[in-house]
């Protein structure tokens, strides 16, 4: 079986001290960190934030969404809209979504 070393994959997932789920991904030559959090009300909204692994201060803050998938799409859209102006990597967000779906993150 051939391993695709240039593909998108989750390299680590864990909870941080703020109880957010952290997903570290390798996307070809770029690295991405996605943080998923839920509002205080467990029946309420979700939010994803994203930043390049190499530049944690360069955070793309997502919008709250009714579901994890909605929140993921919001941060994806913001990343794409701001990629050029902020110097962010152009990622294959479809592959990122597949990797997150595989671990039931979205």
Protein backbone atom coordinates (compact mmCIF):
# COMPACT_ATOMS: atom_id res chain seq x y z
CA UNK A 1 0.00 0.00 0.00
CA UNK A 2 1.37 3.39 -1.03
CA UNK A 3 1.36 6.17 1.55
CA UNK A 4 0.60 9.64 0.18
CA UNK A 5 3.11 11.82 2.02
CA UNK A 6 1.96 14.95 0.16
CA UNK A 7 -1.75 14.52 0.96
CA UNK A 8 -3.81 16.09 3.71
CA UNK A 9 -3.86 14.24 7.01
CA UNK A 10 -4.38 14.85 10.68
CA UNK A 11 -1.09 14.48 12.51
CA UNK A 12 -2.45 15.08 16.04
CA UNK A 13 -5.73 15.70 17.80
CA UNK A 14 -6.21 16.57 21.46
CA UNK A 15 -8.05 18.84 23.90
CA UNK A 16 -6.30 22.01 25.00
CA UNK A 17 -6.56 23.58 28.46
CA UNK A 18 -9.57 25.61 27.29
CA UNK A 19 -11.40 22.34 26.47
CA UNK A 20 -11.28 23.01 22.71
CA UNK A 21 -10.53 20.18 20.32
CA UNK A 22 -7.30 20.85 18.46
CA UNK A 23 -6.63 19.26 15.07
CA UNK A 24 -3.13 19.58 13.66
CA UNK A 25 -3.05 18.82 9.96
CA UNK A 26 -0.37 18.41 7.33
CA UNK A 27 -1.64 19.74 3.98
CA UNK A 28 1.07 18.97 1.43
CA UNK A 29 3.89 21.30 2.41
CA UNK A 30 1.72 23.46 4.70
CA UNK A 31 0.68 22.83 8.29
CA UNK A 32 -2.65 23.91 9.72
CA UNK A 33 -4.11 24.01 13.21
CA UNK A 34 -7.89 24.02 13.63
CA UNK A 35 -9.50 24.60 17.02
CA UNK A 36 -13.12 23.55 17.55
CA UNK A 37 -15.08 24.94 20.47
CA UNK A 38 -18.66 24.80 21.61
CA UNK A 39 -20.56 27.59 23.32
CA UNK A 40 -21.32 27.23 27.03
CA UNK A 41 -24.76 25.85 26.24
CA UNK A 42 -24.16 22.27 25.00
CA UNK A 43 -27.19 22.48 22.71
CA UNK A 44 -25.88 25.69 21.13
CA UNK A 45 -23.37 26.70 18.53
CA UNK A 46 -19.89 25.66 17.42
CA UNK A 47 -16.88 27.64 16.28
CA UNK A 48 -13.67 26.78 14.41
CA UNK A 49 -10.54 28.93 14.51
CA UNK A 50 -7.53 28.29 12.28
CA UNK A 51 -3.89 29.26 12.03
CA UNK A 52 -0.78 28.08 10.25
CA UNK A 53 1.32 25.86 12.53
CA UNK A 54 4.34 28.07 11.86
CA UNK A 55 2.52 31.33 12.74
CA UNK A 56 0.16 30.83 15.70
CA UNK A 57 -0.31 34.59 16.06
CA UNK A 58 -1.89 34.73 12.56
CA UNK A 59 -5.32 33.44 13.55
CA UNK A 60 -8.34 33.29 11.28
CA UNK A 61 -11.26 33.49 13.69
CA UNK A 62 -14.34 31.74 12.47
CA UNK A 63 -17.95 32.54 12.98
CA UNK A 64 -20.28 30.64 15.25
CA UNK A 65 -22.38 28.07 13.42
CA UNK A 66 -25.36 25.94 14.37
CA UNK A 67 -23.32 22.80 13.63
CA UNK A 68 -19.64 21.89 13.47
CA UNK A 69 -19.96 21.69 9.68
CA UNK A 70 -21.41 25.22 9.52
CA UNK A 71 -18.61 26.55 11.72
CA UNK A 72 -16.00 24.75 9.60
CA UNK A 73 -17.41 26.26 6.39
CA UNK A 74 -17.32 29.73 7.98
CA UNK A 75 -13.63 29.52 8.91
CA UNK A 76 -12.81 27.94 5.53
CA UNK A 77 -14.50 30.81 3.71
CA UNK A 78 -12.69 33.41 5.83
CA UNK A 79 -9.34 31.70 5.23
CA UNK A 80 -9.91 31.65 1.47
CA UNK A 81 -11.02 35.29 1.45
CA UNK A 82 -7.99 36.44 3.47
CA UNK A 83 -5.33 34.05 2.13
CA UNK A 84 -3.70 36.46 -0.29
CA UNK A 85 -3.76 39.56 1.93
CA UNK A 86 -2.42 37.67 4.98
CA UNK A 87 0.02 35.48 3.08
CA UNK A 88 -1.78 32.27 4.09
CA UNK A 89 -1.20 29.00 2.27
CA UNK A 90 -3.72 28.08 -0.39
CA UNK A 91 -5.14 24.83 0.97
CA UNK A 92 -7.29 22.11 -0.53
CA UNK A 93 -10.20 22.63 1.84
CA UNK A 94 -12.09 19.67 0.36
CA UNK A 95 -9.27 17.40 1.54
CA UNK A 96 -9.21 19.11 4.93
CA UNK A 97 -12.96 18.46 5.24
CA UNK A 98 -12.45 14.78 4.33
CA UNK A 99 -9.76 14.39 6.99
CA UNK A 100 -11.99 16.02 9.64
CA UNK A 101 -14.98 13.95 8.58
CA UNK A 102 -12.93 10.78 8.99
CA UNK A 103 -12.47 11.55 12.71
CA UNK A 104 -16.04 12.87 13.14
CA UNK A 105 -14.87 16.43 13.71
CA UNK A 106 -17.45 17.71 11.24
